[in-house]
PDB file of all heavy atoms in Angstrom:
ATOM      1  N   MET A   1      -3.999  10.102   5.210  1.00  0.00           N
ATOM      2  CA  MET A   1      -4.982  10.914   4.517  1.00  0.00           C
ATOM      3  C   MET A   1      -4.472  12.357   4.491  1.00  0.00           C
ATOM      4  O   MET A   1      -3.783  12.783   5.448  1.00  0.00           O
ATOM      5  CB  MET A   1      -6.281  10.844   5.258  1.00  0.00           C
ATOM      6  CG  MET A   1      -7.009   9.530   5.145  1.00  0.00           C
ATOM      7  SD  MET A   1      -8.541   9.463   6.031  1.00  0.00           S
ATOM      8  CE  MET A   1      -7.897   9.010   7.668  1.00  0.00           C
ATOM      9  N   THR A   2      -4.821  13.074   3.485  1.00  0.00           N
ATOM     10  CA  THR A   2      -4.410  14.464   3.398  1.00  0.00           C
ATOM     11  C   THR A   2      -5.655  15.290   3.065  1.00  0.00           C
ATOM     12  O   THR A   2      -6.536  14.890   2.329  1.00  0.00           O
ATOM     13  CB  THR A   2      -3.364  14.705   2.309  1.00  0.00           C
ATOM     14  OG1 THR A   2      -3.874  14.292   1.067  1.00  0.00           O
ATOM     15  CG2 THR A   2      -2.079  13.965   2.573  1.00  0.00           C
ATOM     16  N   ALA A   3      -5.714  16.468   3.625  1.00  0.00           N
ATOM     17  CA  ALA A   3      -6.802  17.408   3.345  1.00  0.00           C
ATOM     18  C   ALA A   3      -6.212  18.690   2.821  1.00  0.00           C
ATOM     19  O   ALA A   3      -5.253  19.202   3.374  1.00  0.00           O
ATOM     20  CB  ALA A   3      -7.603  17.669   4.645  1.00  0.00           C
ATOM     21  N   ALA A   4      -6.776  19.186   1.776  1.00  0.00           N
ATOM     22  CA  ALA A   4      -6.313  20.472   1.191  1.00  0.00           C
ATOM     23  C   ALA A   4      -7.452  21.474   1.338  1.00  0.00           C
ATOM     24  O   ALA A   4      -8.580  21.205   0.898  1.00  0.00           O
ATOM     25  CB  ALA A   4      -5.976  20.275  -0.295  1.00  0.00           C
ATOM     26  N   ALA A   5      -7.205  22.631   1.946  1.00  0.00           N
ATOM     27  CA  ALA A   5      -8.209  23.600   2.194  1.00  0.00           C
ATOM     28  C   ALA A   5      -8.050  24.859   1.370  1.00  0.00           C
ATOM     29  O   ALA A   5      -8.671  25.872   1.651  1.00  0.00           O
ATOM     30  CB  ALA A   5      -8.243  23.961   3.704  1.00  0.00           C
ATOM     31  N   ASP A   6      -7.248  24.784   0.333  1.00  0.00           N
ATOM     32  CA  ASP A   6      -7.014  25.984  -0.477  1.00  0.00           C
ATOM     33  C   ASP A   6      -8.006  26.153  -1.654  1.00  0.00           C
ATOM     34  O   ASP A   6      -7.784  26.941  -2.543  1.00  0.00           O
ATOM     35  CB  ASP A   6      -5.552  25.980  -1.007  1.00  0.00           C
ATOM     36  CG  ASP A   6      -5.280  24.765  -1.886  1.00  0.00           C
ATOM     37  OD1 ASP A   6      -6.000  23.770  -1.774  1.00  0.00           O
ATOM     38  OD2 ASP A   6      -4.298  24.846  -2.653  1.00  0.00           O
ATOM     39  N   ARG A   7      -9.050  25.384  -1.640  1.00  0.00           N
ATOM     40  CA  ARG A   7     -10.072  25.467  -2.677  1.00  0.00           C
ATOM     41  C   ARG A   7     -11.404  25.873  -2.062  1.00  0.00           C
ATOM     42  O   ARG A   7     -11.500  25.988  -0.828  1.00  0.00           O
ATOM     43  CB  ARG A   7     -10.266  24.096  -3.302  1.00  0.00           C
ATOM     44  CG  ARG A   7      -8.929  23.603  -4.002  1.00  0.00           C
ATOM     45  CD  ARG A   7      -9.150  22.171  -4.545  1.00  0.00           C
ATOM     46  NE  ARG A   7      -7.988  21.748  -5.227  1.00  0.00           N
ATOM     47  CZ  ARG A   7      -7.060  20.923  -4.714  1.00  0.00           C
ATOM     48  NH1 ARG A   7      -7.130  20.543  -3.476  1.00  0.00           N
ATOM     49  NH2 ARG A   7      -6.025  20.569  -5.427  1.00  0.00           N
ATOM     50  N   ALA A   8     -12.436  26.094  -2.853  1.00  0.00           N
ATOM     51  CA  ALA A   8     -13.718  26.467  -2.357  1.00  0.00           C
ATOM     52  C   ALA A   8     -14.251  25.480  -1.321  1.00  0.00           C
ATOM     53  O   ALA A   8     -14.784  25.839  -0.274  1.00  0.00           O
ATOM     54  CB  ALA A   8     -14.764  26.611  -3.473  1.00  0.00           C
ATOM     55  N   LEU A   9     -14.123  24.199  -1.603  1.00  0.00           N
ATOM     56  CA  LEU A   9     -14.409  23.147  -0.643  1.00  0.00           C
ATOM     57  C   LEU A   9     -13.127  22.414  -0.341  1.00  0.00           C
ATOM     58  O   LEU A   9     -12.315  22.199  -1.240  1.00  0.00           O
ATOM     59  CB  LEU A   9     -15.448  22.161  -1.178  1.00  0.00           C
ATOM     60  CG  LEU A   9     -16.871  22.627  -1.318  1.00  0.00           C
ATOM     61  CD1 LEU A   9     -17.747  21.493  -1.882  1.00  0.00           C
ATOM     62  CD2 LEU A   9     -17.456  23.064   0.027  1.00  0.00           C
ATOM     63  N   PRO A  10     -12.945  21.980   0.921  1.00  0.00           N
ATOM     64  CA  PRO A  10     -11.739  21.216   1.225  1.00  0.00           C
ATOM     65  C   PRO A  10     -11.774  19.867   0.552  1.00  0.00           C
ATOM     66  O   PRO A  10     -12.864  19.308   0.261  1.00  0.00           O
ATOM     67  CB  PRO A  10     -11.798  21.091   2.766  1.00  0.00           C
ATOM     68  CG  PRO A  10     -13.232  21.321   3.109  1.00  0.00           C
ATOM     69  CD  PRO A  10     -13.808  22.229   2.041  1.00  0.00           C
ATOM     70  N   VAL A  11     -10.592  19.363   0.294  1.00  0.00           N
ATOM     71  CA  VAL A  11     -10.463  18.041  -0.381  1.00  0.00           C
ATOM     72  C   VAL A  11      -9.730  17.097   0.605  1.00  0.00           C
ATOM     73  O   VAL A  11      -8.716  17.432   1.144  1.00  0.00           O
ATOM     74  CB  VAL A  11      -9.643  18.142  -1.673  1.00  0.00           C
ATOM     75  CG1 VAL A  11      -9.383  16.787  -2.280  1.00  0.00           C
ATOM     76  CG2 VAL A  11     -10.334  19.072  -2.640  1.00  0.00           C
ATOM     77  N   VAL A  12     -10.302  15.940   0.777  1.00  0.00           N
ATOM     78  CA  VAL A  12      -9.689  14.850   1.574  1.00  0.00           C
ATOM     79  C   VAL A  12      -9.290  13.781   0.540  1.00  0.00           C
ATOM     80  O   VAL A  12     -10.146  13.335  -0.234  1.00  0.00           O
ATOM     81  CB  VAL A  12     -10.628  14.319   2.632  1.00  0.00           C
ATOM     82  CG1 VAL A  12      -9.995  13.127   3.340  1.00  0.00           C
ATOM     83  CG2 VAL A  12     -10.965  15.440   3.652  1.00  0.00           C
ATOM     84  N   ALA A  13      -8.046  13.386   0.550  1.00  0.00           N
ATOM     85  CA  ALA A  13      -7.531  12.427  -0.423  1.00  0.00           C
ATOM     86  C   ALA A  13      -6.852  11.253   0.284  1.00  0.00           C
ATOM     87  O   ALA A  13      -5.625  11.196   0.410  1.00  0.00           O
ATOM     88  CB  ALA A  13      -6.567  13.134  -1.351  1.00  0.00           C
ATOM     89  N   PRO A  14      -7.646  10.312   0.763  1.00  0.00           N
ATOM     90  CA  PRO A  14      -7.038   9.159   1.444  1.00  0.00           C
ATOM     91  C   PRO A  14      -6.328   8.243   0.504  1.00  0.00           C
ATOM     92  O   PRO A  14      -6.648   8.182  -0.661  1.00  0.00           O
ATOM     93  CB  PRO A  14      -8.252   8.466   2.100  1.00  0.00           C
ATOM     94  CG  PRO A  14      -9.411   8.843   1.253  1.00  0.00           C
ATOM     95  CD  PRO A  14      -9.086  10.221   0.698  1.00  0.00           C
ATOM     96  N   GLN A  15      -5.376   7.517   1.021  1.00  0.00           N
ATOM     97  CA  GLN A  15      -4.543   6.584   0.233  1.00  0.00           C
ATOM     98  C   GLN A  15      -4.560   5.213   0.940  1.00  0.00           C
ATOM     99  O   GLN A  15      -4.398   5.154   2.152  1.00  0.00           O
ATOM    100  CB  GLN A  15      -3.121   7.080   0.134  1.00  0.00           C
ATOM    101  CG  GLN A  15      -2.985   8.440  -0.496  1.00  0.00           C
ATOM    102  CD  GLN A  15      -3.292   8.435  -1.982  1.00  0.00           C
ATOM    103  OE1 GLN A  15      -2.832   7.544  -2.729  1.00  0.00           O
ATOM    104  NE2 GLN A  15      -4.039   9.399  -2.421  1.00  0.00           N
ATOM    105  N   GLY A  16      -4.802   4.166   0.160  1.00  0.00           N
ATOM    106  CA  GLY A  16      -4.658   2.789   0.702  1.00  0.00           C
ATOM    107  C   GLY A  16      -5.966   2.083   0.959  1.00  0.00           C
ATOM    108  O   GLY A  16      -7.015   2.458   0.406  1.00  0.00           O
ATOM    109  N   ASP A  17      -5.864   1.114   1.876  1.00  0.00           N
ATOM    110  CA  ASP A  17      -7.013   0.243   2.242  1.00  0.00           C
ATOM    111  C   ASP A  17      -7.762   0.886   3.410  1.00  0.00           C
ATOM    112  O   ASP A  17      -7.163   1.343   4.367  1.00  0.00           O
ATOM    113  CB  ASP A  17      -6.548  -1.117   2.645  1.00  0.00           C
ATOM    114  CG  ASP A  17      -5.945  -1.930   1.486  1.00  0.00           C
ATOM    115  OD1 ASP A  17      -6.025  -1.422   0.338  1.00  0.00           O
ATOM    116  OD2 ASP A  17      -5.383  -2.971   1.764  1.00  0.00           O
ATOM    117  N   PHE A  18      -9.108   0.821   3.346  1.00  0.00           N
ATOM    118  CA  PHE A  18      -9.954   1.351   4.414  1.00  0.00           C
ATOM    119  C   PHE A  18     -10.922   0.302   4.827  1.00  0.00           C
ATOM    120  O   PHE A  18     -11.770  -0.138   4.037  1.00  0.00           O
ATOM    121  CB  PHE A  18     -10.645   2.675   3.976  1.00  0.00           C
ATOM    122  CG  PHE A  18      -9.694   3.798   3.869  1.00  0.00           C
ATOM    123  CD1 PHE A  18      -8.899   3.938   2.759  1.00  0.00           C
ATOM    124  CD2 PHE A  18      -9.511   4.655   4.924  1.00  0.00           C
ATOM    125  CE1 PHE A  18      -7.949   4.935   2.662  1.00  0.00           C
ATOM    126  CE2 PHE A  18      -8.580   5.685   4.895  1.00  0.00           C
ATOM    127  CZ  PHE A  18      -7.814   5.820   3.752  1.00  0.00           C
ATOM    128  N   ASP A  19     -10.825  -0.084   6.115  1.00  0.00           N
ATOM    129  CA  ASP A  19     -11.727  -1.102   6.654  1.00  0.00           C
ATOM    130  C   ASP A  19     -12.320  -0.592   7.957  1.00  0.00           C
ATOM    131  O   ASP A  19     -12.230   0.601   8.263  1.00  0.00           O
ATOM    132  CB  ASP A  19     -10.978  -2.465   6.843  1.00  0.00           C
ATOM    133  CG  ASP A  19      -9.761  -2.286   7.759  1.00  0.00           C
ATOM    134  OD1 ASP A  19      -9.712  -1.314   8.541  1.00  0.00           O
ATOM    135  OD2 ASP A  19      -8.905  -3.171   7.736  1.00  0.00           O
ATOM    136  N   MET A  20     -12.947  -1.508   8.726  1.00  0.00           N
ATOM    137  CA  MET A  20     -13.663  -1.100   9.910  1.00  0.00           C
ATOM    138  C   MET A  20     -12.735  -0.441  10.969  1.00  0.00           C
ATOM    139  O   MET A  20     -13.203   0.299  11.817  1.00  0.00           O
ATOM    140  CB  MET A  20     -14.442  -2.276  10.534  1.00  0.00           C
ATOM    141  CG  MET A  20     -13.526  -3.398  10.999  1.00  0.00           C
ATOM    142  SD  MET A  20     -14.454  -4.835  11.586  1.00  0.00           S
ATOM    143  CE  MET A  20     -14.874  -4.299  13.215  1.00  0.00           C
ATOM    144  N   GLN A  21     -11.450  -0.714  10.914  1.00  0.00           N
ATOM    145  CA  GLN A  21     -10.536  -0.080  11.878  1.00  0.00           C
ATOM    146  C   GLN A  21     -10.166   1.346  11.479  1.00  0.00           C
ATOM    147  O   GLN A  21      -9.901   2.172  12.329  1.00  0.00           O
ATOM    148  CB  GLN A  21      -9.253  -0.950  12.038  1.00  0.00           C
ATOM    149  CG  GLN A  21      -9.550  -2.264  12.643  1.00  0.00           C
ATOM    150  CD  GLN A  21      -8.303  -3.173  12.717  1.00  0.00           C
ATOM    151  OE1 GLN A  21      -7.357  -2.956  11.973  1.00  0.00           O
ATOM    152  NE2 GLN A  21      -8.288  -4.121  13.603  1.00  0.00           N
ATOM    153  N   ILE A  22     -10.140   1.617  10.192  1.00  0.00           N
ATOM    154  CA  ILE A  22      -9.710   2.910   9.704  1.00  0.00           C
ATOM    155  C   ILE A  22     -10.905   3.821   9.333  1.00  0.00           C
ATOM    156  O   ILE A  22     -10.757   5.032   9.330  1.00  0.00           O
ATOM    157  CB  ILE A  22      -8.722   2.774   8.506  1.00  0.00           C
ATOM    158  CG1 ILE A  22      -7.517   1.982   8.974  1.00  0.00           C
ATOM    159  CG2 ILE A  22      -8.322   4.102   7.938  1.00  0.00           C
ATOM    160  CD1 ILE A  22      -6.573   1.604   7.893  1.00  0.00           C
ATOM    161  N   ALA A  23     -12.050   3.229   9.022  1.00  0.00           N
ATOM    162  CA  ALA A  23     -13.195   4.002   8.577  1.00  0.00           C
ATOM    163  C   ALA A  23     -13.599   5.140   9.497  1.00  0.00           C
ATOM    164  O   ALA A  23     -13.922   6.245   9.071  1.00  0.00           O
ATOM    165  CB  ALA A  23     -14.389   3.073   8.314  1.00  0.00           C
ATOM    166  N   PRO A  24     -13.590   4.903  10.826  1.00  0.00           N
ATOM    167  CA  PRO A  24     -13.956   6.054  11.701  1.00  0.00           C
ATOM    168  C   PRO A  24     -13.048   7.278  11.567  1.00  0.00           C
ATOM    169  O   PRO A  24     -13.525   8.405  11.647  1.00  0.00           O
ATOM    170  CB  PRO A  24     -13.842   5.418  13.115  1.00  0.00           C
ATOM    171  CG  PRO A  24     -14.072   3.974  12.937  1.00  0.00           C
ATOM    172  CD  PRO A  24     -13.422   3.662  11.598  1.00  0.00           C
ATOM    173  N   SER A  25     -11.770   7.030  11.308  1.00  0.00           N
ATOM    174  CA  SER A  25     -10.870   8.175  11.143  1.00  0.00           C
ATOM    175  C   SER A  25     -11.146   8.905   9.815  1.00  0.00           C
ATOM    176  O   SER A  25     -11.028  10.140   9.709  1.00  0.00           O
ATOM    177  CB  SER A  25      -9.386   7.758  11.195  1.00  0.00           C
ATOM    178  OG  SER A  25      -9.055   6.897  10.131  1.00  0.00           O
ATOM    179  N   LEU A  26     -11.583   8.156   8.793  1.00  0.00           N
ATOM    180  CA  LEU A  26     -11.987   8.806   7.522  1.00  0.00           C
ATOM    181  C   LEU A  26     -13.216   9.659   7.742  1.00  0.00           C
ATOM    182  O   LEU A  26     -13.267  10.791   7.316  1.00  0.00           O
ATOM    183  CB  LEU A  26     -12.251   7.735   6.456  1.00  0.00           C
ATOM    184  CG  LEU A  26     -12.810   8.248   5.114  1.00  0.00           C
ATOM    185  CD1 LEU A  26     -11.801   9.247   4.462  1.00  0.00           C
ATOM    186  CD2 LEU A  26     -13.133   7.070   4.210  1.00  0.00           C
ATOM    187  N   SER A  27     -14.210   9.122   8.463  1.00  0.00           N
ATOM    188  CA  SER A  27     -15.458   9.880   8.731  1.00  0.00           C
ATOM    189  C   SER A  27     -15.095  11.153   9.511  1.00  0.00           C
ATOM    190  O   SER A  27     -15.545  12.236   9.208  1.00  0.00           O
ATOM    191  CB  SER A  27     -16.395   9.008   9.539  1.00  0.00           C
ATOM    192  OG  SER A  27     -17.540   9.721   9.805  1.00  0.00           O
ATOM    193  N   MET A  28     -14.230  11.033  10.529  1.00  0.00           N
ATOM    194  CA  MET A  28     -13.856  12.182  11.340  1.00  0.00           C
ATOM    195  C   MET A  28     -13.144  13.231  10.468  1.00  0.00           C
ATOM    196  O   MET A  28     -13.434  14.432  10.571  1.00  0.00           O
ATOM    197  CB  MET A  28     -12.990  11.749  12.490  1.00  0.00           C
ATOM    198  CG  MET A  28     -12.474  12.907  13.359  1.00  0.00           C
ATOM    199  SD  MET A  28     -13.772  13.606  14.370  1.00  0.00           S
ATOM    200  CE  MET A  28     -13.927  12.350  15.603  1.00  0.00           C
ATOM    201  N   GLU A  29     -12.221  12.777   9.628  1.00  0.00           N
ATOM    202  CA  GLU A  29     -11.501  13.728   8.787  1.00  0.00           C
ATOM    203  C   GLU A  29     -12.441  14.451   7.814  1.00  0.00           C
ATOM    204  O   GLU A  29     -12.312  15.639   7.580  1.00  0.00           O
ATOM    205  CB  GLU A  29     -10.383  13.045   8.016  1.00  0.00           C
ATOM    206  CG  GLU A  29      -9.584  14.055   7.245  1.00  0.00           C
ATOM    207  CD  GLU A  29      -8.217  13.566   6.765  1.00  0.00           C
ATOM    208  OE1 GLU A  29      -7.855  12.441   7.023  1.00  0.00           O
ATOM    209  OE2 GLU A  29      -7.539  14.372   6.091  1.00  0.00           O
ATOM    210  N   LEU A  30     -13.370  13.710   7.195  1.00  0.00           N
ATOM    211  CA  LEU A  30     -14.316  14.336   6.295  1.00  0.00           C
ATOM    212  C   LEU A  30     -15.193  15.376   6.991  1.00  0.00           C
ATOM    213  O   LEU A  30     -15.366  16.463   6.519  1.00  0.00           O
ATOM    214  CB  LEU A  30     -15.200  13.257   5.618  1.00  0.00           C
ATOM    215  CG  LEU A  30     -14.502  12.362   4.627  1.00  0.00           C
ATOM    216  CD1 LEU A  30     -15.395  11.156   4.275  1.00  0.00           C
ATOM    217  CD2 LEU A  30     -14.142  13.131   3.362  1.00  0.00           C
ATOM    218  N   LEU A  31     -15.714  15.018   8.138  1.00  0.00           N
ATOM    219  CA  LEU A  31     -16.581  15.937   8.877  1.00  0.00           C
ATOM    220  C   LEU A  31     -15.817  17.116   9.410  1.00  0.00           C
ATOM    221  O   LEU A  31     -16.332  18.277   9.380  1.00  0.00           O
ATOM    222  CB  LEU A  31     -17.301  15.202   9.983  1.00  0.00           C
ATOM    223  CG  LEU A  31     -18.366  14.185   9.496  1.00  0.00           C
ATOM    224  CD1 LEU A  31     -18.872  13.373  10.679  1.00  0.00           C
ATOM    225  CD2 LEU A  31     -19.490  14.886   8.775  1.00  0.00           C
ATOM    226  N   THR A  32     -14.597  16.898   9.854  1.00  0.00           N
ATOM    227  CA  THR A  32     -13.792  18.021  10.360  1.00  0.00           C
ATOM    228  C   THR A  32     -13.446  18.979   9.220  1.00  0.00           C
ATOM    229  O   THR A  32     -13.530  20.198   9.351  1.00  0.00           O
ATOM    230  CB  THR A  32     -12.485  17.482  10.987  1.00  0.00           C
ATOM    231  OG1 THR A  32     -12.838  16.667  12.123  1.00  0.00           O
ATOM    232  CG2 THR A  32     -11.596  18.601  11.451  1.00  0.00           C
ATOM    233  N   ALA A  33     -13.132  18.455   8.033  1.00  0.00           N
ATOM    234  CA  ALA A  33     -12.797  19.293   6.892  1.00  0.00           C
ATOM    235  C   ALA A  33     -14.036  20.122   6.456  1.00  0.00           C
ATOM    236  O   ALA A  33     -13.876  21.229   6.029  1.00  0.00           O
ATOM    237  CB  ALA A  33     -12.260  18.409   5.731  1.00  0.00           C
ATOM    238  N   ALA A  34     -15.214  19.535   6.607  1.00  0.00           N
ATOM    239  CA  ALA A  34     -16.409  20.196   6.109  1.00  0.00           C
ATOM    240  C   ALA A  34     -16.924  21.190   7.130  1.00  0.00           C
ATOM    241  O   ALA A  34     -17.716  22.108   6.753  1.00  0.00           O
ATOM    242  CB  ALA A  34     -17.523  19.147   5.874  1.00  0.00           C
ATOM    243  N   ASP A  35     -16.501  21.129   8.363  1.00  0.00           N
ATOM    244  CA  ASP A  35     -16.988  22.012   9.416  1.00  0.00           C
ATOM    245  C   ASP A  35     -16.788  23.464   9.059  1.00  0.00           C
ATOM    246  O   ASP A  35     -15.635  23.878   8.775  1.00  0.00           O
ATOM    247  CB  ASP A  35     -16.274  21.642  10.723  1.00  0.00           C
ATOM    248  CG  ASP A  35     -16.936  22.380  11.899  1.00  0.00           C
ATOM    249  OD1 ASP A  35     -18.136  22.522  11.920  1.00  0.00           O
ATOM    250  OD2 ASP A  35     -16.158  22.796  12.824  1.00  0.00           O
ATOM    251  N   GLY A  36     -17.827  24.201   9.043  1.00  0.00           N
ATOM    252  CA  GLY A  36     -17.764  25.621   8.791  1.00  0.00           C
ATOM    253  C   GLY A  36     -17.791  26.042   7.348  1.00  0.00           C
ATOM    254  O   GLY A  36     -17.948  27.226   7.052  1.00  0.00           O
ATOM    255  N   VAL A  37     -17.616  25.097   6.428  1.00  0.00           N
ATOM    256  CA  VAL A  37     -17.613  25.448   5.012  1.00  0.00           C
ATOM    257  C   VAL A  37     -18.807  24.786   4.236  1.00  0.00           C
ATOM    258  O   VAL A  37     -19.020  25.077   3.103  1.00  0.00           O
ATOM    259  CB  VAL A  37     -16.310  25.126   4.294  1.00  0.00           C
ATOM    260  CG1 VAL A  37     -15.193  26.020   4.853  1.00  0.00           C
ATOM    261  CG2 VAL A  37     -15.959  23.674   4.392  1.00  0.00           C
ATOM    262  N   GLY A  38     -19.486  23.898   4.896  1.00  0.00           N
ATOM    263  CA  GLY A  38     -20.687  23.289   4.344  1.00  0.00           C
ATOM    264  C   GLY A  38     -20.538  22.183   3.353  1.00  0.00           C
ATOM    265  O   GLY A  38     -21.465  21.767   2.694  1.00  0.00           O
ATOM    266  N   GLY A  39     -19.301  21.668   3.219  1.00  0.00           N
ATOM    267  CA  GLY A  39     -19.121  20.564   2.340  1.00  0.00           C
ATOM    268  C   GLY A  39     -17.675  20.073   2.286  1.00  0.00           C
ATOM    269  O   GLY A  39     -16.794  20.729   2.849  1.00  0.00           O
ATOM    270  N   VAL A  40     -17.482  18.963   1.585  1.00  0.00           N
ATOM    271  CA  VAL A  40     -16.152  18.405   1.454  1.00  0.00           C
ATOM    272  C   VAL A  40     -16.113  17.533   0.173  1.00  0.00           C
ATOM    273  O   VAL A  40     -17.150  16.981  -0.172  1.00  0.00           O
ATOM    274  CB  VAL A  40     -15.764  17.578   2.696  1.00  0.00           C
ATOM    275  CG1 VAL A  40     -16.683  16.370   2.893  1.00  0.00           C
ATOM    276  CG2 VAL A  40     -14.317  17.120   2.666  1.00  0.00           C
ATOM    277  N   VAL A  41     -14.952  17.505  -0.446  1.00  0.00           N
ATOM    278  CA  VAL A  41     -14.774  16.595  -1.587  1.00  0.00           C
ATOM    279  C   VAL A  41     -13.847  15.484  -1.191  1.00  0.00           C
ATOM    280  O   VAL A  41     -12.777  15.680  -0.621  1.00  0.00           O
ATOM    281  CB  VAL A  41     -14.148  17.371  -2.782  1.00  0.00           C
ATOM    282  CG1 VAL A  41     -13.852  16.441  -3.950  1.00  0.00           C
ATOM    283  CG2 VAL A  41     -15.049  18.545  -3.209  1.00  0.00           C
TER     284      VAL A  41
END
């Protein structure tokens, strides 16, 4: 997964398959990216 923070809202752009083993890391990345800026794409 990659996050870009050079825009008004950060962008998280995951690649590939996401299942119950990987979903928690996606959630964590989205919430971390949104922290302090109020949103995430």
